[in-house]
C-alpha atoms as a PDB file:
ATOM      1  CA  MET A   1     -73.517-188.106-100.707  1.00  0.00           C
ATOM      2  CA  LYS A   2     -75.668-188.817-103.460  1.00  0.00           C
ATOM      3  CA  PHE A   3     -78.323-188.439-100.881  1.00  0.00           C
ATOM      4  CA  PHE A   4     -77.001-184.837 -99.467  1.00  0.00           C
ATOM      5  CA  HIS A   5     -76.766-183.936-103.086  1.00  0.00           C
ATOM      6  CA  ASN A   6     -80.585-184.356-103.661  1.00  0.00           C
ATOM      7  CA  ILE A   7     -81.617-183.129-100.840  1.00  0.00           C
ATOM      8  CA  CYS A   8     -79.724-179.658-101.660  1.00  0.00           C
ATOM      9  CA  ILE A   9     -81.473-180.315-105.295  1.00  0.00           C
ATOM     10  CA  SER A  10     -84.604-180.243-103.821  1.00  0.00           C
ATOM     11  CA  SER A  11     -83.917-177.436-100.848  1.00  0.00           C
ATOM     12  CA  PHE A  12     -82.896-174.885-104.074  1.00  0.00           C
ATOM     13  CA  ALA A  13     -85.742-175.627-106.559  1.00  0.00           C
ATOM     14  CA  SER A  14     -88.045-175.162-103.158  1.00  0.00           C
ATOM     15  CA  PHE A  15     -86.164-172.085-102.709  1.00  0.00           C
ATOM     16  CA  GLY A  16     -86.779-171.100-106.072  1.00  0.00           C
ATOM     17  CA  LEU A  17     -90.421-171.672-106.319  1.00  0.00           C
ATOM     18  CA  ILE A  18     -91.024-169.479-103.006  1.00  0.00           C
ATOM     19  CA  ILE A  19     -89.343-166.593-104.190  1.00  0.00           C
ATOM     20  CA  VAL A  20     -91.360-167.270-108.455  1.00  0.00           C
ATOM     21  CA  LEU A  21     -94.334-166.878-106.088  1.00  0.00           C
ATOM     22  CA  LEU A  22     -93.151-163.748-103.839  1.00  0.00           C
ATOM     23  CA  PHE A  23     -92.043-161.725-106.987  1.00  0.00           C
ATOM     24  CA  ASN A  24     -95.263-163.053-109.166  1.00  0.00           C
ATOM     25  CA  PRO A  25     -97.991-162.465-107.410  1.00  0.00           C
ATOM     26  CA  GLY A  26    -101.496-162.677-108.243  1.00  0.00           C
ATOM     27  CA  PRO A  27    -104.796-161.189-107.674  1.00  0.00           C
ATOM     28  CA  HIS A  28    -104.295-162.091-104.453  1.00  0.00           C
ATOM     29  CA  GLY A  29    -100.423-161.832-103.592  1.00  0.00           C
ATOM     30  CA  ILE A  30    -100.519-165.477-104.860  1.00  0.00           C
ATOM     31  CA  ALA A  31     -99.539-166.086-108.636  1.00  0.00           C
ATOM     32  CA  HIS A  32    -100.148-170.024-109.926  1.00  0.00           C
ATOM     33  CA  ALA A  33     -98.611-171.725-112.552  1.00  0.00           C
ATOM     34  CA  GLU A  34    -100.221-171.628-115.801  1.00  0.00           C
ATOM     35  CA  GLU A  35    -103.532-170.369-114.555  1.00  0.00           C
ATOM     36  CA  ARG A  36    -106.375-170.514-117.190  1.00  0.00           C
ATOM     37  CA  LYS A  37    -108.772-167.596-118.298  1.00  0.00           C
ATOM     38  CA  LEU A  38    -111.726-167.069-116.441  1.00  0.00           C
ATOM     39  CA  VAL A  39    -115.116-167.714-118.588  1.00  0.00           C
ATOM     40  CA  VAL A  40    -117.982-165.875-118.276  1.00  0.00           C
ATOM     41  CA  VAL A  41    -120.948-166.647-120.766  1.00  0.00           C
ATOM     42  CA  ALA A  42    -123.652-163.882-121.098  1.00  0.00           C
ATOM     43  CA  GLU A  43    -126.308-163.423-123.279  1.00  0.00           C
ATOM     44  CA  ALA A  44    -126.410-161.245-125.821  1.00  0.00           C
ATOM     45  CA  TRP A  45    -128.314-158.290-124.278  1.00  0.00           C
ATOM     46  CA  PRO A  46    -126.831-155.102-126.499  1.00  0.00           C
ATOM     47  CA  PRO A  47    -125.269-152.471-125.307  1.00  0.00           C
ATOM     48  CA  PHE A  48    -125.100-154.904-121.819  1.00  0.00           C
ATOM     49  CA  GLU A  49    -122.866-158.157-123.538  1.00  0.00           C
ATOM     50  CA  PHE A  50    -122.597-158.837-126.952  1.00  0.00           C
ATOM     51  CA  GLU A  51    -120.685-159.794-130.468  1.00  0.00           C
ATOM     52  CA  GLU A  52    -118.623-157.700-132.686  1.00  0.00           C
ATOM     53  CA  ASP A  53    -116.355-159.063-135.331  1.00  0.00           C
ATOM     54  CA  GLY A  54    -116.220-161.962-133.406  1.00  0.00           C
ATOM     55  CA  LYS A  55    -115.433-160.215-130.033  1.00  0.00           C
ATOM     56  CA  ALA A  56    -117.086-159.750-126.964  1.00  0.00           C
ATOM     57  CA  VAL A  57    -117.944-156.020-126.132  1.00  0.00           C
ATOM     58  CA  GLY A  58    -120.527-153.841-124.299  1.00  0.00           C
ATOM     59  CA  ILE A  59    -120.606-152.139-120.825  1.00  0.00           C
ATOM     60  CA  GLY A  60    -120.907-155.293-119.157  1.00  0.00           C
ATOM     61  CA  VAL A  61    -117.661-156.248-120.822  1.00  0.00           C
ATOM     62  CA  ASP A  62    -116.111-153.265-120.061  1.00  0.00           C
ATOM     63  CA  ILE A  63    -116.851-152.910-116.619  1.00  0.00           C
ATOM     64  CA  MET A  64    -115.087-156.659-116.100  1.00  0.00           C
ATOM     65  CA  SER A  65    -112.210-155.483-117.972  1.00  0.00           C
ATOM     66  CA  HIS A  66    -111.758-152.339-115.598  1.00  0.00           C
ATOM     67  CA  ILE A  67    -112.306-154.835-112.563  1.00  0.00           C
ATOM     68  CA  PHE A  68    -110.684-157.842-113.115  1.00  0.00           C
ATOM     69  CA  LYS A  69    -107.377-156.085-114.688  1.00  0.00           C
ATOM     70  CA  LYS A  70    -106.917-154.071-111.241  1.00  0.00           C
ATOM     71  CA  MET A  71    -107.088-157.561-109.730  1.00  0.00           C
ATOM     72  CA  ASN A  72    -104.952-159.256-112.763  1.00  0.00           C
ATOM     73  CA  VAL A  73    -107.290-162.090-113.274  1.00  0.00           C
ATOM     74  CA  ALA A  74    -107.163-163.247-116.982  1.00  0.00           C
ATOM     75  CA  PHE A  75    -111.050-163.383-118.745  1.00  0.00           C
ATOM     76  CA  GLU A  76    -112.659-164.029-121.847  1.00  0.00           C
ATOM     77  CA  VAL A  77    -116.826-163.926-122.180  1.00  0.00           C
ATOM     78  CA  ARG A  78    -118.737-166.394-124.684  1.00  0.00           C
ATOM     79  CA  ILE A  79    -121.838-164.661-126.031  1.00  0.00           C
ATOM     80  CA  LEU A  80    -124.215-167.556-126.248  1.00  0.00           C
ATOM     81  CA  PRO A  81    -127.965-168.195-126.272  1.00  0.00           C
ATOM     82  CA  TRP A  82    -129.091-168.203-122.535  1.00  0.00           C
ATOM     83  CA  ALA A  83    -130.535-172.081-122.837  1.00  0.00           C
ATOM     84  CA  ARG A  84    -126.875-172.873-123.935  1.00  0.00           C
ATOM     85  CA  ALA A  85    -125.372-171.152-121.402  1.00  0.00           C
ATOM     86  CA  TRP A  86    -127.487-172.362-118.623  1.00  0.00           C
ATOM     87  CA  LYS A  87    -126.857-175.901-119.408  1.00  0.00           C
ATOM     88  CA  MET A  88    -122.796-175.001-119.137  1.00  0.00           C
ATOM     89  CA  ILE A  89    -123.096-173.440-115.963  1.00  0.00           C
ATOM     90  CA  GLU A  90    -125.353-176.485-114.874  1.00  0.00           C
ATOM     91  CA  ALA A  91    -122.645-178.828-115.530  1.00  0.00           C
ATOM     92  CA  GLY A  92    -119.953-176.464-113.944  1.00  0.00           C
ATOM     93  CA  LYS A  93    -118.265-176.259-117.274  1.00  0.00           C
ATOM     94  CA  VAL A  94    -117.757-172.126-116.913  1.00  0.00           C
ATOM     95  CA  ASP A  95    -117.142-170.009-114.247  1.00  0.00           C
ATOM     96  CA  ALA A  96    -119.366-167.582-114.295  1.00  0.00           C
ATOM     97  CA  ALA A  97    -122.202-165.941-115.958  1.00  0.00           C
ATOM     98  CA  SER A  98    -122.622-161.841-116.558  1.00  0.00           C
ATOM     99  CA  SER A  99    -125.577-159.759-116.954  1.00  0.00           C
ATOM    100  CA  ILE A 100    -127.807-162.815-114.670  1.00  0.00           C
ATOM    101  CA  SER A 101    -130.698-162.178-112.157  1.00  0.00           C
ATOM    102  CA  ARG A 102    -131.592-163.810-109.153  1.00  0.00           C
ATOM    103  CA  LYS A 103    -133.612-166.598-108.360  1.00  0.00           C
ATOM    104  CA  LYS A 104    -134.103-169.030-106.002  1.00  0.00           C
ATOM    105  CA  GLU A 105    -134.108-172.189-108.290  1.00  0.00           C
ATOM    106  CA  ARG A 106    -130.665-170.828-109.475  1.00  0.00           C
ATOM    107  CA  MET A 107    -128.956-170.838-106.320  1.00  0.00           C
ATOM    108  CA  GLN A 108    -127.929-174.306-106.198  1.00  0.00           C
ATOM    109  CA  TYR A 109    -125.778-173.468-109.012  1.00  0.00           C
ATOM    110  CA  LEU A 110    -124.501-170.053-108.572  1.00  0.00           C
ATOM    111  CA  SER A 111    -123.141-167.826-105.487  1.00  0.00           C
ATOM    112  CA  TYR A 112    -124.914-164.018-106.228  1.00  0.00           C
ATOM    113  CA  PRO A 113    -122.770-161.081-104.578  1.00  0.00           C
ATOM    114  CA  ASN A 114    -125.502-158.100-103.325  1.00  0.00           C
ATOM    115  CA  GLU A 115    -124.206-155.549-105.713  1.00  0.00           C
ATOM    116  CA  ASP A 116    -125.889-155.437-109.418  1.00  0.00           C
ATOM    117  CA  ILE A 117    -123.455-154.383-112.048  1.00  0.00           C
ATOM    118  CA  TRP A 118    -126.892-152.577-114.060  1.00  0.00           C
ATOM    119  CA  THR A 119    -130.849-152.338-112.378  1.00  0.00           C
ATOM    120  CA  SER A 120    -133.262-153.093-115.748  1.00  0.00           C
ATOM    121  CA  GLU A 121    -136.120-151.077-116.321  1.00  0.00           C
ATOM    122  CA  TYR A 122    -138.362-153.245-118.278  1.00  0.00           C
ATOM    123  CA  ILE A 123    -141.075-151.932-120.673  1.00  0.00           C
ATOM    124  CA  PHE A 124    -143.462-153.024-123.975  1.00  0.00           C
ATOM    125  CA  PHE A 125    -142.058-152.326-127.450  1.00  0.00           C
ATOM    126  CA  VAL A 126    -144.955-152.008-129.795  1.00  0.00           C
ATOM    127  CA  ARG A 127    -145.073-151.701-133.650  1.00  0.00           C
ATOM    128  CA  ARG A 128    -145.925-147.908-134.335  1.00  0.00           C
ATOM    129  CA  ASP A 129    -149.202-148.471-136.422  1.00  0.00           C
ATOM    130  CA  LYS A 130    -150.400-150.199-133.473  1.00  0.00           C
ATOM    131  CA  LYS A 131    -149.585-148.098-130.714  1.00  0.00           C
ATOM    132  CA  LYS A 132    -152.871-145.733-129.746  1.00  0.00           C
ATOM    133  CA  THR A 133    -151.828-144.718-126.172  1.00  0.00           C
ATOM    134  CA  SER A 134    -149.145-143.850-124.038  1.00  0.00           C
ATOM    135  CA  SER A 135    -148.942-146.848-122.005  1.00  0.00           C
ATOM    136  CA  MET A 136    -149.964-150.310-122.156  1.00  0.00           C
ATOM    137  CA  SER A 137    -150.606-152.727-118.788  1.00  0.00           C
ATOM    138  CA  TYR A 138    -150.601-156.545-118.273  1.00  0.00           C
ATOM    139  CA  ALA A 139    -154.471-156.160-117.843  1.00  0.00           C
ATOM    140  CA  GLN A 140    -155.396-154.464-121.478  1.00  0.00           C
ATOM    141  CA  ALA A 141    -152.926-156.576-122.951  1.00  0.00           C
ATOM    142  CA  GLY A 142    -154.704-159.483-121.759  1.00  0.00           C
ATOM    143  CA  LYS A 143    -158.373-158.187-122.367  1.00  0.00           C
ATOM    144  CA  GLU A 144    -157.097-157.782-125.973  1.00  0.00           C
ATOM    145  CA  ASN A 145    -155.389-160.989-126.126  1.00  0.00           C
ATOM    146  CA  LEU A 146    -152.306-159.444-127.884  1.00  0.00           C
ATOM    147  CA  LYS A 147    -149.630-161.668-128.729  1.00  0.00           C
ATOM    148  CA  ILE A 148    -146.491-160.887-126.332  1.00  0.00           C
ATOM    149  CA  GLY A 149    -142.654-161.750-127.230  1.00  0.00           C
ATOM    150  CA  VAL A 150    -140.726-163.400-124.626  1.00  0.00           C
ATOM    151  CA  ILE A 151    -137.091-165.074-124.708  1.00  0.00           C
ATOM    152  CA  LYS A 152    -136.699-168.781-123.905  1.00  0.00           C
ATOM    153  CA  GLY A 153    -135.173-169.631-120.189  1.00  0.00           C
ATOM    154  CA  ASN A 154    -135.376-165.890-118.934  1.00  0.00           C
ATOM    155  CA  THR A 155    -137.108-165.194-115.920  1.00  0.00           C
ATOM    156  CA  TYR A 156    -139.568-162.137-115.830  1.00  0.00           C
ATOM    157  CA  HIS A 157    -141.697-160.634-112.997  1.00  0.00           C
ATOM    158  CA  GLU A 158    -144.132-162.799-110.475  1.00  0.00           C
ATOM    159  CA  ASP A 159    -146.600-159.960-111.479  1.00  0.00           C
ATOM    160  CA  PHE A 160    -145.617-160.554-114.966  1.00  0.00           C
ATOM    161  CA  TRP A 161    -146.143-164.412-114.498  1.00  0.00           C
ATOM    162  CA  LYS A 162    -149.443-163.964-112.516  1.00  0.00           C
ATOM    163  CA  ALA A 163    -150.686-161.904-115.526  1.00  0.00           C
ATOM    164  CA  PHE A 164    -149.855-164.416-118.295  1.00  0.00           C
ATOM    165  CA  PRO A 165    -149.241-167.721-116.169  1.00  0.00           C
ATOM    166  CA  ASN A 166    -148.803-171.472-117.676  1.00  0.00           C
ATOM    167  CA  LYS A 167    -151.131-173.504-118.715  1.00  0.00           C
ATOM    168  CA  ALA A 168    -152.354-176.501-116.344  1.00  0.00           C
ATOM    169  CA  ASP A 169    -149.762-178.548-118.313  1.00  0.00           C
ATOM    170  CA  GLY A 170    -146.810-176.119-117.398  1.00  0.00           C
ATOM    171  CA  THR A 171    -146.467-174.987-121.127  1.00  0.00           C
ATOM    172  CA  LEU A 172    -146.392-171.767-122.035  1.00  0.00           C
ATOM    173  CA  ASN A 173    -149.461-169.355-121.981  1.00  0.00           C
ATOM    174  CA  ASP A 174    -151.144-168.882-125.216  1.00  0.00           C
ATOM    175  CA  GLN A 175    -150.611-165.238-124.962  1.00  0.00           C
ATOM    176  CA  LEU A 176    -146.536-165.930-125.103  1.00  0.00           C
ATOM    177  CA  GLU A 177    -144.237-166.896-127.563  1.00  0.00           C
ATOM    178  CA  GLU A 178    -140.689-167.636-127.315  1.00  0.00           C
ATOM    179  CA  ALA A 179    -137.815-166.725-129.337  1.00  0.00           C
ATOM    180  CA  ALA A 180    -133.988-167.391-128.800  1.00  0.00           C
ATOM    181  CA  ASP A 181    -132.975-163.572-128.402  1.00  0.00           C
ATOM    182  CA  ALA A 182    -133.637-159.971-128.105  1.00  0.00           C
ATOM    183  CA  GLU A 183    -133.452-159.671-132.090  1.00  0.00           C
ATOM    184  CA  THR A 184    -135.291-162.524-133.120  1.00  0.00           C
ATOM    185  CA  ASN A 185    -138.342-160.672-130.838  1.00  0.00           C
ATOM    186  CA  LEU A 186    -138.031-157.126-132.775  1.00  0.00           C
ATOM    187  CA  ARG A 187    -137.646-158.654-136.068  1.00  0.00           C
ATOM    188  CA  LYS A 188    -141.458-160.403-135.425  1.00  0.00           C
ATOM    189  CA  LEU A 189    -143.049-157.507-133.679  1.00  0.00           C
ATOM    190  CA  ALA A 190    -142.001-155.102-136.729  1.00  0.00           C
ATOM    191  CA  ARG A 191    -143.241-157.849-138.919  1.00  0.00           C
ATOM    192  CA  GLY A 192    -146.411-158.472-137.151  1.00  0.00           C
ATOM    193  CA  ARG A 193    -146.067-162.032-135.856  1.00  0.00           C
ATOM    194  CA  ILE A 194    -146.202-160.520-132.335  1.00  0.00           C
ATOM    195  CA  ASP A 195    -148.123-157.556-130.633  1.00  0.00           C
ATOM    196  CA  LEU A 196    -145.478-156.552-127.952  1.00  0.00           C
ATOM    197  CA  TYR A 197    -142.453-157.699-127.217  1.00  0.00           C
ATOM    198  CA  VAL A 198    -141.121-156.890-123.320  1.00  0.00           C
ATOM    199  CA  VAL A 199    -137.572-156.157-122.536  1.00  0.00           C
ATOM    200  CA  ASP A 200    -135.397-153.432-120.928  1.00  0.00           C
ATOM    201  CA  LYS A 201    -135.920-150.036-122.228  1.00  0.00           C
ATOM    202  CA  ILE A 202    -132.251-149.098-123.011  1.00  0.00           C
ATOM    203  CA  ILE A 203    -131.852-152.601-124.412  1.00  0.00           C
ATOM    204  CA  GLY A 204    -134.938-152.351-126.608  1.00  0.00           C
ATOM    205  CA  ARG A 205    -133.988-148.211-127.997  1.00  0.00           C
ATOM    206  CA  TYR A 206    -130.081-149.298-128.417  1.00  0.00           C
ATOM    207  CA  LEU A 207    -131.329-152.545-130.562  1.00  0.00           C
ATOM    208  CA  ILE A 208    -134.097-151.168-132.933  1.00  0.00           C
ATOM    209  CA  SER A 209    -131.600-148.146-133.230  1.00  0.00           C
ATOM    210  CA  MET A 210    -129.063-150.460-134.288  1.00  0.00           C
ATOM    211  CA  MET A 211    -131.637-152.592-136.672  1.00  0.00           C
ATOM    212  CA  ASN A 212    -132.781-150.104-138.316  1.00  0.00           C
ATOM    213  CA  LEU A 213    -136.352-150.448-136.586  1.00  0.00           C
ATOM    214  CA  GLU A 214    -136.732-146.975-135.484  1.00  0.00           C
ATOM    215  CA  ASP A 215    -139.675-146.643-138.298  1.00  0.00           C
ATOM    216  CA  GLU A 216    -141.342-149.441-137.600  1.00  0.00           C
ATOM    217  CA  ILE A 217    -141.115-150.247-133.922  1.00  0.00           C
ATOM    218  CA  THR A 218    -141.456-147.941-130.793  1.00  0.00           C
ATOM    219  CA  TRP A 219    -142.324-148.288-127.284  1.00  0.00           C
ATOM    220  CA  TYR A 220    -144.864-147.642-124.383  1.00  0.00           C
ATOM    221  CA  ASP A 221    -143.810-145.367-121.666  1.00  0.00           C
ATOM    222  CA  ASN A 222    -144.883-146.692-118.446  1.00  0.00           C
ATOM    223  CA  ILE A 223    -142.515-149.084-116.779  1.00  0.00           C
ATOM    224  CA  LEU A 224    -143.530-152.589-116.365  1.00  0.00           C
ATOM    225  CA  PHE A 225    -140.885-153.894-113.490  1.00  0.00           C
ATOM    226  CA  SER A 226    -137.323-153.256-112.162  1.00  0.00           C
ATOM    227  CA  LYS A 227    -134.887-155.604-112.016  1.00  0.00           C
ATOM    228  CA  GLY A 228    -131.385-156.168-110.650  1.00  0.00           C
ATOM    229  CA  TYR A 229    -128.497-158.247-112.628  1.00  0.00           C
ATOM    230  CA  THR A 230    -125.014-158.902-111.418  1.00  0.00           C
ATOM    231  CA  ILE A 231    -122.258-161.203-112.316  1.00  0.00           C
ATOM    232  CA  ALA A 232    -122.762-164.613-110.842  1.00  0.00           C
ATOM    233  CA  PHE A 233    -119.971-167.041-109.879  1.00  0.00           C
ATOM    234  CA  VAL A 234    -120.466-170.486-110.967  1.00  0.00           C
ATOM    235  CA  LYS A 235    -120.423-173.036-107.643  1.00  0.00           C
ATOM    236  CA  LYS A 236    -119.543-176.616-109.796  1.00  0.00           C
ATOM    237  CA  SER A 237    -116.980-174.219-111.195  1.00  0.00           C
ATOM    238  CA  GLY A 238    -112.990-175.481-110.524  1.00  0.00           C
ATOM    239  CA  TYR A 239    -111.318-172.255-111.208  1.00  0.00           C
ATOM    240  CA  PRO A 240    -108.924-171.893-107.508  1.00  0.00           C
ATOM    241  CA  ARG A 241    -109.688-168.899-105.049  1.00  0.00           C
ATOM    242  CA  LEU A 242    -113.199-168.630-106.863  1.00  0.00           C
ATOM    243  CA  LYS A 243    -115.244-167.169-103.675  1.00  0.00           C
ATOM    244  CA  GLN A 244    -112.184-164.904-102.960  1.00  0.00           C
ATOM    245  CA  ILE A 245    -112.321-163.373-106.662  1.00  0.00           C
ATOM    246  CA  GLU A 246    -116.639-162.826-106.096  1.00  0.00           C
ATOM    247  CA  GLU A 247    -115.711-161.035-102.633  1.00  0.00           C
ATOM    248  CA  ARG A 248    -113.056-158.538-104.430  1.00  0.00           C
ATOM    249  CA  PHE A 249    -115.145-158.253-107.583  1.00  0.00           C
ATOM    250  CA  GLU A 250    -117.890-156.683-105.579  1.00  0.00           C
ATOM    251  CA  LYS A 251    -115.841-154.472-103.815  1.00  0.00           C
ATOM    252  CA  GLU A 252    -114.112-153.135-107.277  1.00  0.00           C
ATOM    253  CA  LEU A 253    -117.256-152.853-108.606  1.00  0.00           C
ATOM    254  CA  LYS A 254    -118.707-150.424-105.829  1.00  0.00           C
ATOM    255  CA  ARG A 255    -115.236-148.379-106.118  1.00  0.00           C
ATOM    256  CA  LEU A 256    -115.514-148.163-109.517  1.00  0.00           C
ATOM    257  CA  LYS A 257    -119.578-146.579-108.966  1.00  0.00           C
ATOM    258  CA  LYS A 258    -118.512-144.030-106.558  1.00  0.00           C
ATOM    259  CA  SER A 259    -115.758-142.843-108.303  1.00  0.00           C
ATOM    260  CA  GLY A 260    -117.864-142.157-111.205  1.00  0.00           C
ATOM    261  CA  GLN A 261    -115.774-144.397-113.686  1.00  0.00           C
ATOM    262  CA  TYR A 262    -119.226-146.648-114.032  1.00  0.00           C
ATOM    263  CA  ASN A 263    -121.159-143.547-115.354  1.00  0.00           C
ATOM    264  CA  GLU A 264    -118.541-142.918-117.749  1.00  0.00           C
ATOM    265  CA  ILE A 265    -118.316-146.248-119.273  1.00  0.00           C
ATOM    266  CA  GLN A 266    -122.207-146.099-119.546  1.00  0.00           C
ATOM    267  CA  LYS A 267    -122.348-142.996-121.738  1.00  0.00           C
ATOM    268  CA  LYS A 268    -119.925-144.459-123.900  1.00  0.00           C
ATOM    269  CA  TRP A 269    -122.629-146.957-125.097  1.00  0.00           C
ATOM    270  CA  ILE A 270    -125.960-145.591-124.141  1.00  0.00           C
ATOM    271  CA  LYS A 271    -126.209-142.434-126.820  1.00  0.00           C
ATOM    272  CA  GLU A 272    -129.411-140.332-126.906  1.00  0.00           C
ATOM    273  CA  ASN A 273    -132.868-141.853-127.156  1.00  0.00           C
ATOM    274  CA  PRO A 274    -133.973-143.092-130.629  1.00  0.00           C
ATOM    275  CA  ARG A 275    -136.864-141.216-132.637  1.00  0.00           C
ATOM    276  CA  HIS A 276    -140.163-142.039-130.337  1.00  0.00           C
END
């Protein structure tokens, strides 16, 4: 009787678990008890992702919020310097990275969807008192031996690296100077410590307005290169069903763009051009 009693209890417990799973579905129809938040790392790229009052905000955060809410996936975004974020990706300590470009060396650690969250157009920013023409090329910057600000660990277009290749020992070209983030580069530019800063035009214009540097800094009109940025998923992550989440995220991102809601999210953050 005791054996029969235990079997009954076990059967009822299993039946109860099935009922819970059926009536509390997760993003793919199955609930997972005490499932943790999906952790996304991002570099500070206002207005796409940045920290405001201790909270991650921006275009990319709003897009993720819209899509992950539809998928019933709880998530958090951590804004970190890129070098630190990358170490966490390599170690599998996070689940995804937002606003990240595609690079062959990264593919052993990351799975990239085809759809971009945004496409950037990179230009040179310059001090107002040093801008003499409407455009600035790599060749001209090289000829004038101008010091160019870059971000440590960031990838740039192959033409950029051809124009400013690393030295024989693998160290950075003498014309390039690294900083931890975009704000630091713009401060250095405003103070005359570098001559140019190469960055996405939306990010650069947003930042010089936010940092009240419009009187000191302007930009060249010509586009140096374009790059697509997406959310990539960490291969070493232990998060459940991550590949299915990646596939669903990409489908929902395409729907968001087609519906027009994507443009509305961008308009919330991108204001009229600051003084040129």
